[in-house]
Amino acid sequence: MNSQPRRHATRWIFAGTALWGVLLVSCVMVDRPTFAPPKIAGAKFAGTNECQQCHAQINGSFHDATHARLMAPGENAKNVGCESCHGPGSTHIQSGGAFGTIVNPRLSPETCFECHLEKRGEFSLPHAHPVMAGKVSCADCHNPHRGEMIKGGGTALEAANESCLKCHNSQRGPFVFEHEALRENCTTCHNPHGTVNDKMLRARNQTLCLQCHYQQQTVTGQLLVGGRDHASFVQRGTCWTAGCHEAIHGSHVSSSLRF
């Protein structure tokens, strides 16, 4: 048999695969900006120093902000820090700060999506904060001008949950019997940007609870949690709707988190 055509075909396959790999690497490695600042018709970049003439208070605390790292180096960058998110500011300066002459990310999340593209997808999921509808702003939870983007946590004097609890005040407590997960962070159970699960939960039903409340199973057919068999309980619904742990954020009457 003549195997010459088969060898030629194999060579073409390997050559095509190698060429595709080279093209893919070249696209990934090319030196290009990762995002483009917003555009404003007729406006030019003025530089951060011009912004601080009026916004001295914001500018004074911006040096330790997470977003301060957006300032690009080099002559061509022209110290474009504020304008990375707010767009070129020459028209805004010349008009004395007239409305509509600068981009306000609080009014639209599109500026934030220039960098945080994956959040657009999360906010479009079935259960999400109504950012896309304009009822909630990214700036309601995040402060881009000072310190870390999240209000609490880290070295801050506020708890990591403060961003959530200023709206969801009924979950604040204190409770006689608290849910330890709430002490850690609301995001232990919830994804605030959006999920496919009801109440913006990270996982469905008891699957979420069993990520923490789980122990080694030694008997077939049982689901031991806290030394008690929960196999029949989990068939009734979620842990917080099956008549067991309804006060999932904390309770004043039951260590089992019941009303």
Protein backbone atom coordinates (compact mmCIF):
# COMPACT_ATOMS: atom_id res chain seq x y z
CA MET A 1 0.00 0.00 0.00
CA ASN A 2 1.09 3.53 -0.68
CA SER A 3 1.14 5.51 2.58
CA GLN A 4 2.58 8.66 0.96
CA PRO A 5 -0.76 10.58 0.77
CA ARG A 6 -1.47 9.79 4.42
CA ARG A 7 1.93 11.15 5.50
CA HIS A 8 1.34 14.32 3.48
CA ALA A 9 -2.08 14.79 5.09
CA THR A 10 -0.58 14.36 8.57
CA ARG A 11 2.10 16.94 7.79
CA TRP A 12 -0.55 19.44 6.67
CA ILE A 13 -2.52 18.89 9.88
CA PHE A 14 0.53 19.48 12.08
CA ALA A 15 1.57 22.50 10.02
CA GLY A 16 -1.90 24.03 10.26
CA THR A 17 -2.02 23.44 14.03
CA ALA A 18 1.40 25.04 14.48
CA LEU A 19 0.38 28.07 12.39
CA TRP A 20 -2.80 28.50 14.40
CA GLY A 21 -0.76 28.36 17.62
CA VAL A 22 1.62 31.05 16.36
CA LEU A 23 -1.29 33.33 15.41
CA LEU A 24 -2.96 32.80 18.77
CA VAL A 25 0.20 33.62 20.73
CA SER A 26 0.85 36.70 18.59
CA CYS A 27 -2.64 38.02 19.35
CA VAL A 28 -2.17 37.49 23.07
CA MET A 29 1.34 38.93 23.23
CA VAL A 30 0.77 42.03 21.11
CA ASP A 31 1.45 45.28 22.98
CA ARG A 32 -1.81 47.21 23.06
CA PRO A 33 -3.95 49.08 25.62
CA THR A 34 -6.39 46.94 27.54
CA PHE A 35 -9.13 49.57 27.48
CA ALA A 36 -9.95 52.92 25.96
CA PRO A 37 -11.08 55.95 28.02
CA PRO A 38 -14.58 57.29 27.32
CA LYS A 39 -14.92 59.75 24.44
CA ILE A 40 -16.52 63.20 24.61
CA ALA A 41 -17.15 65.02 21.36
CA GLY A 42 -14.77 67.96 20.88
CA ALA A 43 -12.96 67.43 24.18
CA LYS A 44 -9.26 66.78 24.75
CA PHE A 45 -7.36 65.34 27.68
CA ALA A 46 -6.31 67.99 30.17
CA GLY A 47 -4.52 65.92 32.81
CA THR A 48 -5.24 65.19 36.44
CA ASN A 49 -3.61 68.41 37.64
CA GLU A 50 -6.41 70.39 36.02
CA CYS A 51 -9.05 68.30 37.77
CA GLN A 52 -7.70 69.01 41.24
CA GLN A 53 -8.27 72.74 40.82
CA CYS A 54 -11.95 72.16 41.62
CA HIS A 55 -11.97 68.62 43.02
CA ALA A 56 -9.19 69.07 45.58
CA GLN A 57 -10.87 66.96 48.25
CA ILE A 58 -11.31 63.96 45.97
CA ASN A 59 -7.86 64.37 44.48
CA GLY A 60 -6.25 64.55 47.91
CA SER A 61 -7.41 61.05 48.86
CA PHE A 62 -7.08 59.50 45.41
CA HIS A 63 -3.40 58.63 45.76
CA ASP A 64 -4.15 55.49 47.82
CA ALA A 65 -7.21 54.44 45.81
CA THR A 66 -7.23 51.20 43.87
CA HIS A 67 -8.11 53.12 40.71
CA ALA A 68 -5.08 55.38 41.07
CA ARG A 69 -3.14 52.57 39.42
CA LEU A 70 -4.96 53.31 36.16
CA MET A 71 -2.69 56.31 35.57
CA ALA A 72 -0.46 55.38 32.64
CA PRO A 73 3.21 56.50 32.55
CA GLY A 74 4.95 58.26 29.68
CA GLU A 75 4.65 61.51 27.76
CA ASN A 76 1.74 60.35 25.64
CA ALA A 77 -0.34 59.55 28.73
CA LYS A 78 -0.33 63.21 29.88
CA ASN A 79 -1.05 62.17 33.44
CA VAL A 80 -4.48 60.92 32.44
CA GLY A 81 -5.77 59.52 35.74
CA CYS A 82 -9.25 60.93 36.39
CA GLU A 83 -9.97 61.01 32.68
CA SER A 84 -9.45 57.27 32.37
CA CYS A 85 -13.00 56.91 33.70
CA HIS A 86 -14.50 60.38 33.24
CA GLY A 87 -13.32 61.05 29.68
CA PRO A 88 -11.33 64.05 28.34
CA GLY A 89 -12.01 67.10 30.49
CA SER A 90 -11.11 70.15 28.40
CA THR A 91 -14.74 71.01 27.56
CA HIS A 92 -15.77 70.46 31.18
CA ILE A 93 -13.06 72.87 32.37
CA GLN A 94 -13.82 75.54 29.77
CA SER A 95 -17.54 75.47 30.57
CA GLY A 96 -16.94 75.84 34.30
CA GLY A 97 -18.21 72.35 35.09
CA ALA A 98 -21.41 72.39 33.03
CA PHE A 99 -23.62 69.32 33.27
CA GLY A 100 -23.14 66.83 30.46
CA THR A 101 -19.58 67.89 29.62
CA ILE A 102 -17.97 65.02 31.52
CA VAL A 103 -18.76 61.32 31.93
CA ASN A 104 -20.38 60.41 35.25
CA PRO A 105 -20.01 56.63 35.80
CA ARG A 106 -22.63 56.79 38.55
CA LEU A 107 -25.28 57.42 35.89
CA SER A 108 -24.23 54.50 33.68
CA PRO A 109 -22.20 51.32 34.32
CA GLU A 110 -20.80 51.33 30.79
CA THR A 111 -17.61 53.10 31.90
CA CYS A 112 -17.00 50.45 34.55
CA PHE A 113 -17.61 47.69 32.02
CA GLU A 114 -14.68 48.96 29.94
CA CYS A 115 -12.42 47.16 32.43
CA HIS A 116 -14.81 44.95 34.39
CA LEU A 117 -16.34 43.29 31.36
CA GLU A 118 -17.28 40.09 33.18
CA LYS A 119 -19.58 42.10 35.48
CA ARG A 120 -21.78 43.01 32.54
CA GLY A 121 -22.46 39.30 32.11
CA GLU A 122 -23.14 38.79 35.82
CA PHE A 123 -25.55 41.73 35.97
CA SER A 124 -27.42 40.21 33.01
CA LEU A 125 -28.09 36.97 34.86
CA PRO A 126 -31.65 36.24 36.12
CA HIS A 127 -30.98 37.32 39.71
CA ALA A 128 -28.85 40.46 40.09
CA HIS A 129 -28.88 43.94 41.53
CA PRO A 130 -30.78 46.17 39.06
CA VAL A 131 -27.70 47.99 37.79
CA MET A 132 -28.61 47.46 34.14
CA ALA A 133 -32.02 49.02 34.81
CA GLY A 134 -30.40 52.11 36.32
CA LYS A 135 -31.93 51.58 39.77
CA VAL A 136 -28.59 50.83 41.43
CA SER A 137 -25.15 52.22 40.62
CA CYS A 138 -21.74 50.60 40.94
CA ALA A 139 -20.81 53.60 43.10
CA ASP A 140 -23.54 52.71 45.60
CA CYS A 141 -21.34 49.85 46.77
CA HIS A 142 -17.87 50.86 45.59
CA ASN A 143 -15.82 53.99 46.19
CA PRO A 144 -13.40 54.46 43.27
CA HIS A 145 -11.84 57.63 44.70
CA ARG A 146 -10.50 56.46 48.04
CA GLY A 147 -8.77 53.38 49.44
CA GLU A 148 -9.98 49.92 48.54
CA MET A 149 -13.03 49.63 46.33
CA ILE A 150 -14.91 47.75 49.04
CA LYS A 151 -15.85 49.98 51.96
CA GLY A 152 -15.08 47.51 54.76
CA GLY A 153 -12.59 44.73 55.30
CA GLY A 154 -8.81 44.66 55.33
CA THR A 155 -7.36 47.42 57.47
CA ALA A 156 -10.57 49.46 57.40
CA LEU A 157 -12.40 50.12 60.66
CA GLU A 158 -15.67 49.03 59.05
CA ALA A 159 -16.75 45.44 58.60
CA ALA A 160 -16.63 43.90 55.14
CA ASN A 161 -20.44 43.75 55.17
CA GLU A 162 -21.01 47.48 55.56
CA SER A 163 -21.62 48.01 51.84
CA CYS A 164 -24.46 45.49 51.97
CA LEU A 165 -25.92 46.39 55.35
CA LYS A 166 -26.53 50.04 54.56
CA CYS A 167 -29.43 48.81 52.37
CA HIS A 168 -30.15 45.41 53.92
CA ASN A 169 -30.39 46.76 57.45
CA SER A 170 -32.65 44.03 58.82
CA GLN A 171 -29.81 41.55 58.41
CA ARG A 172 -27.41 43.66 60.49
CA GLY A 173 -28.26 42.28 63.92
CA PRO A 174 -26.92 41.90 66.51
CA PHE A 175 -28.54 38.52 67.05
CA VAL A 176 -28.53 36.34 70.14
CA PHE A 177 -27.68 33.40 67.89
CA GLU A 178 -25.72 34.57 64.90
CA HIS A 179 -24.85 32.84 61.66
CA GLU A 180 -21.05 32.76 61.56
CA ALA A 181 -21.08 33.15 57.77
CA LEU A 182 -22.60 36.63 58.18
CA ARG A 183 -19.72 37.56 60.48
CA GLU A 184 -17.25 36.61 57.76
CA ASN A 185 -18.89 38.30 54.79
CA CYS A 186 -22.21 38.39 52.94
CA THR A 187 -20.35 37.19 49.85
CA THR A 188 -19.77 33.83 51.54
CA CYS A 189 -23.28 32.94 50.37
CA HIS A 190 -24.21 35.69 47.89
CA ASN A 191 -22.68 37.02 44.70
CA PRO A 192 -23.76 40.69 44.72
CA HIS A 193 -23.23 41.11 40.99
CA GLY A 194 -25.62 38.35 39.96
CA THR A 195 -26.13 34.61 39.66
CA VAL A 196 -28.53 32.12 38.12
CA ASN A 197 -29.81 31.26 41.61
CA ASP A 198 -32.61 32.92 43.55
CA LYS A 199 -31.55 35.59 46.07
CA MET A 200 -28.20 35.87 44.26
CA LEU A 201 -26.93 32.77 46.06
CA ARG A 202 -23.66 31.22 44.96
CA ALA A 203 -25.16 27.72 44.85
CA ARG A 204 -28.64 26.21 44.90
CA ASN A 205 -30.57 24.72 47.80
CA GLN A 206 -28.70 22.73 50.45
CA THR A 207 -25.67 22.57 48.17
CA LEU A 208 -24.80 26.04 49.41
CA CYS A 209 -25.08 25.12 53.10
CA LEU A 210 -23.18 21.86 52.74
CA GLN A 211 -20.12 23.73 51.53
CA CYS A 212 -19.56 24.64 55.20
CA HIS A 213 -21.90 22.38 57.20
CA TYR A 214 -20.53 19.03 56.14
CA GLN A 215 -18.91 16.13 57.92
CA GLN A 216 -17.53 12.75 57.00
CA GLN A 217 -20.29 10.31 56.11
CA THR A 218 -19.80 6.80 57.54
CA VAL A 219 -23.25 5.25 57.05
CA THR A 220 -24.80 4.61 53.65
CA GLY A 221 -28.10 6.42 53.10
CA GLN A 222 -27.52 9.01 55.82
CA LEU A 223 -26.52 12.65 55.58
CA LEU A 224 -25.07 13.57 58.93
CA VAL A 225 -24.86 17.27 59.76
CA GLY A 226 -24.03 18.18 63.33
CA GLY A 227 -24.42 14.53 64.33
CA ARG A 228 -28.01 14.35 63.09
CA ASP A 229 -29.31 12.58 59.99
CA HIS A 230 -30.59 15.18 57.50
CA ALA A 231 -31.31 12.79 54.60
CA SER A 232 -35.10 13.17 54.91
CA PHE A 233 -34.92 16.92 55.63
CA VAL A 234 -33.14 17.91 52.44
CA GLN A 235 -35.90 16.31 50.35
CA ARG A 236 -38.39 18.89 51.64
CA GLY A 237 -36.65 21.86 50.05
CA THR A 238 -33.90 24.25 50.97
CA CYS A 239 -32.48 24.34 54.49
CA TRP A 240 -34.15 27.71 55.08
CA THR A 241 -37.59 26.85 53.67
CA ALA A 242 -38.16 23.35 55.03
CA GLY A 243 -39.39 24.54 58.41
CA CYS A 244 -35.96 24.30 59.99
CA HIS A 245 -33.55 27.25 59.62
CA GLU A 246 -35.80 30.07 58.42
CA ALA A 247 -33.86 32.80 60.28
CA ILE A 248 -30.77 32.10 58.25
CA HIS A 249 -29.10 35.44 59.00
CA GLY A 250 -29.54 35.12 62.76
CA SER A 251 -32.13 34.38 65.43
CA HIS A 252 -33.10 35.73 68.85
CA VAL A 253 -34.84 32.52 69.98
CA SER A 254 -33.09 29.47 68.55
CA SER A 255 -29.51 28.31 68.16
CA SER A 256 -30.80 26.38 65.12
CA LEU A 257 -31.62 29.73 63.48
CA ARG A 258 -35.40 29.51 63.71
CA PHE A 259 -37.96 32.26 64.16
